[in-house]
Amino acid sequence: MLKLKTKKMDVPVKVLFKGQASVRDYLAKKCIEKGEPCKVKHAGEVMTLTPEEVTSKRVGISNREFESQHGTPAYRLWNYWWEPDQIEL
């Protein structure tokens, strides 16, 4: 039996703001375009968003555009309620 691997984009988040995780828009759009799940990581926990959820679970977009300090494009933040995946033991 052939097992297909699903690629996932890892997005580390250092701080939650009012219970929300913020993802840079170009990373979220990349997940949608490639049809890959987005793994948002914070404090040892993971929240996995399907490409559809990247749009449907978004609760807000930053009003201003941020300039990158590392040569990546300017970006806005897409916000999601922090709902880490449940792991059954």
C-alpha atoms as a PDB file:
ATOM      1  CA  MET A   1       0.000   0.000   0.000  1.00  0.00           C
ATOM      2  CA  LEU A   2       1.357   3.393  -1.008  1.00  0.00           C
ATOM      3  CA  LYS A   3       1.316   6.019   1.704  1.00  0.00           C
ATOM      4  CA  LEU A   4       1.070   9.626   0.567  1.00  0.00           C
ATOM      5  CA  LYS A   5       2.791  12.252   2.633  1.00  0.00           C
ATOM      6  CA  THR A   6       1.017  15.543   3.040  1.00  0.00           C
ATOM      7  CA  LYS A   7       3.398  18.476   3.208  1.00  0.00           C
ATOM      8  CA  LYS A   8       2.720  20.953   5.955  1.00  0.00           C
ATOM      9  CA  MET A   9       4.077  24.434   6.297  1.00  0.00           C
ATOM     10  CA  ASP A  10       5.400  25.150   9.805  1.00  0.00           C
ATOM     11  CA  VAL A  11       4.665  28.638  11.114  1.00  0.00           C
ATOM     12  CA  PRO A  12       6.197  29.425  14.521  1.00  0.00           C
ATOM     13  CA  VAL A  13       4.327  31.975  16.670  1.00  0.00           C
ATOM     14  CA  LYS A  14       6.167  33.459  19.663  1.00  0.00           C
ATOM     15  CA  VAL A  15       3.309  35.330  21.325  1.00  0.00           C
ATOM     16  CA  LEU A  16      -0.472  35.045  21.360  1.00  0.00           C
ATOM     17  CA  PHE A  17      -2.360  38.340  21.475  1.00  0.00           C
ATOM     18  CA  LYS A  18      -5.720  38.181  23.251  1.00  0.00           C
ATOM     19  CA  GLY A  19      -5.916  34.456  22.545  1.00  0.00           C
ATOM     20  CA  GLN A  20      -5.113  34.838  18.858  1.00  0.00           C
ATOM     21  CA  ALA A  21      -2.193  33.586  16.764  1.00  0.00           C
ATOM     22  CA  SER A  22      -1.001  35.816  13.917  1.00  0.00           C
ATOM     23  CA  VAL A  23       0.313  34.417  10.624  1.00  0.00           C
ATOM     24  CA  ARG A  24       1.982  36.514   7.925  1.00  0.00           C
ATOM     25  CA  ASP A  25      -0.323  36.848   4.923  1.00  0.00           C
ATOM     26  CA  TYR A  26       2.214  35.614   2.361  1.00  0.00           C
ATOM     27  CA  LEU A  27       2.666  32.378   4.343  1.00  0.00           C
ATOM     28  CA  ALA A  28      -1.098  31.841   4.624  1.00  0.00           C
ATOM     29  CA  LYS A  29      -1.554  32.505   0.892  1.00  0.00           C
ATOM     30  CA  LYS A  30       1.267  30.079   0.089  1.00  0.00           C
ATOM     31  CA  CYS A  31      -0.556  27.308   1.992  1.00  0.00           C
ATOM     32  CA  ILE A  32      -3.739  28.023   0.043  1.00  0.00           C
ATOM     33  CA  GLU A  33      -1.975  28.122  -3.336  1.00  0.00           C
ATOM     34  CA  LYS A  34      -0.073  24.874  -2.730  1.00  0.00           C
ATOM     35  CA  GLY A  35      -3.032  23.134  -1.092  1.00  0.00           C
ATOM     36  CA  GLU A  36      -0.899  22.357   1.974  1.00  0.00           C
ATOM     37  CA  PRO A  37      -2.006  22.377   5.613  1.00  0.00           C
ATOM     38  CA  CYS A  38      -0.537  25.114   7.803  1.00  0.00           C
ATOM     39  CA  LYS A  39       0.947  24.008  11.139  1.00  0.00           C
ATOM     40  CA  VAL A  40       0.961  26.978  13.524  1.00  0.00           C
ATOM     41  CA  LYS A  41       3.297  26.225  16.459  1.00  0.00           C
ATOM     42  CA  HIS A  42       3.308  27.934  19.848  1.00  0.00           C
ATOM     43  CA  ALA A  43       4.795  26.883  23.215  1.00  0.00           C
ATOM     44  CA  GLY A  44       5.141  23.234  22.215  1.00  0.00           C
ATOM     45  CA  GLU A  45       1.587  22.978  20.887  1.00  0.00           C
ATOM     46  CA  VAL A  46       0.407  22.821  17.279  1.00  0.00           C
ATOM     47  CA  MET A  47      -2.720  24.087  15.542  1.00  0.00           C
ATOM     48  CA  THR A  48      -3.213  22.579  12.087  1.00  0.00           C
ATOM     49  CA  LEU A  49      -5.261  24.526   9.545  1.00  0.00           C
ATOM     50  CA  THR A  50      -6.341  22.976   6.246  1.00  0.00           C
ATOM     51  CA  PRO A  51      -6.046  25.231   3.185  1.00  0.00           C
ATOM     52  CA  GLU A  52      -9.805  25.891   3.459  1.00  0.00           C
ATOM     53  CA  GLU A  53      -9.553  26.737   7.176  1.00  0.00           C
ATOM     54  CA  VAL A  54      -6.734  29.219   6.507  1.00  0.00           C
ATOM     55  CA  THR A  55      -9.462  31.432   5.035  1.00  0.00           C
ATOM     56  CA  SER A  56     -12.610  30.291   6.871  1.00  0.00           C
ATOM     57  CA  LYS A  57     -11.168  30.390  10.424  1.00  0.00           C
ATOM     58  CA  ARG A  58      -9.475  33.767   9.971  1.00  0.00           C
ATOM     59  CA  VAL A  59     -10.944  36.226  12.494  1.00  0.00           C
ATOM     60  CA  GLY A  60      -9.145  39.358  11.376  1.00  0.00           C
ATOM     61  CA  ILE A  61      -6.465  41.037   9.291  1.00  0.00           C
ATOM     62  CA  SER A  62      -4.111  43.731  10.570  1.00  0.00           C
ATOM     63  CA  ASN A  63      -4.997  47.274   9.508  1.00  0.00           C
ATOM     64  CA  ARG A  64      -1.449  48.243   8.687  1.00  0.00           C
ATOM     65  CA  GLU A  65       1.248  46.642   6.590  1.00  0.00           C
ATOM     66  CA  PHE A  66       4.487  45.640   8.321  1.00  0.00           C
ATOM     67  CA  GLU A  67       7.938  46.024   6.783  1.00  0.00           C
ATOM     68  CA  SER A  68      10.116  42.938   7.002  1.00  0.00           C
ATOM     69  CA  GLN A  69      13.555  43.161   8.575  1.00  0.00           C
ATOM     70  CA  HIS A  70      14.819  40.083   6.740  1.00  0.00           C
ATOM     71  CA  GLY A  71      14.320  40.902   3.071  1.00  0.00           C
ATOM     72  CA  THR A  72      10.926  39.203   2.741  1.00  0.00           C
ATOM     73  CA  PRO A  73       7.984  41.164   1.319  1.00  0.00           C
ATOM     74  CA  ALA A  74       5.948  43.593   3.419  1.00  0.00           C
ATOM     75  CA  TYR A  75       3.029  41.770   5.010  1.00  0.00           C
ATOM     76  CA  ARG A  76      -0.226  41.970   6.944  1.00  0.00           C
ATOM     77  CA  LEU A  77      -1.094  39.608   9.771  1.00  0.00           C
ATOM     78  CA  TRP A  78      -3.971  37.143   9.515  1.00  0.00           C
ATOM     79  CA  ASN A  79      -5.352  36.300  12.974  1.00  0.00           C
ATOM     80  CA  TYR A  80      -6.803  33.007  14.231  1.00  0.00           C
ATOM     81  CA  TRP A  81      -8.223  31.965  17.595  1.00  0.00           C
ATOM     82  CA  TRP A  82      -5.633  29.699  19.204  1.00  0.00           C
ATOM     83  CA  GLU A  83      -7.172  26.212  19.172  1.00  0.00           C
ATOM     84  CA  PRO A  84      -4.326  23.674  19.402  1.00  0.00           C
ATOM     85  CA  ASP A  85      -4.841  20.155  18.051  1.00  0.00           C
ATOM     86  CA  GLN A  86      -6.059  17.622  20.598  1.00  0.00           C
ATOM     87  CA  ILE A  87      -3.769  14.639  21.003  1.00  0.00           C
ATOM     88  CA  GLU A  88      -5.398  11.425  22.145  1.00  0.00           C
ATOM     89  CA  LEU A  89      -3.234   9.240  24.388  1.00  0.00           C
END
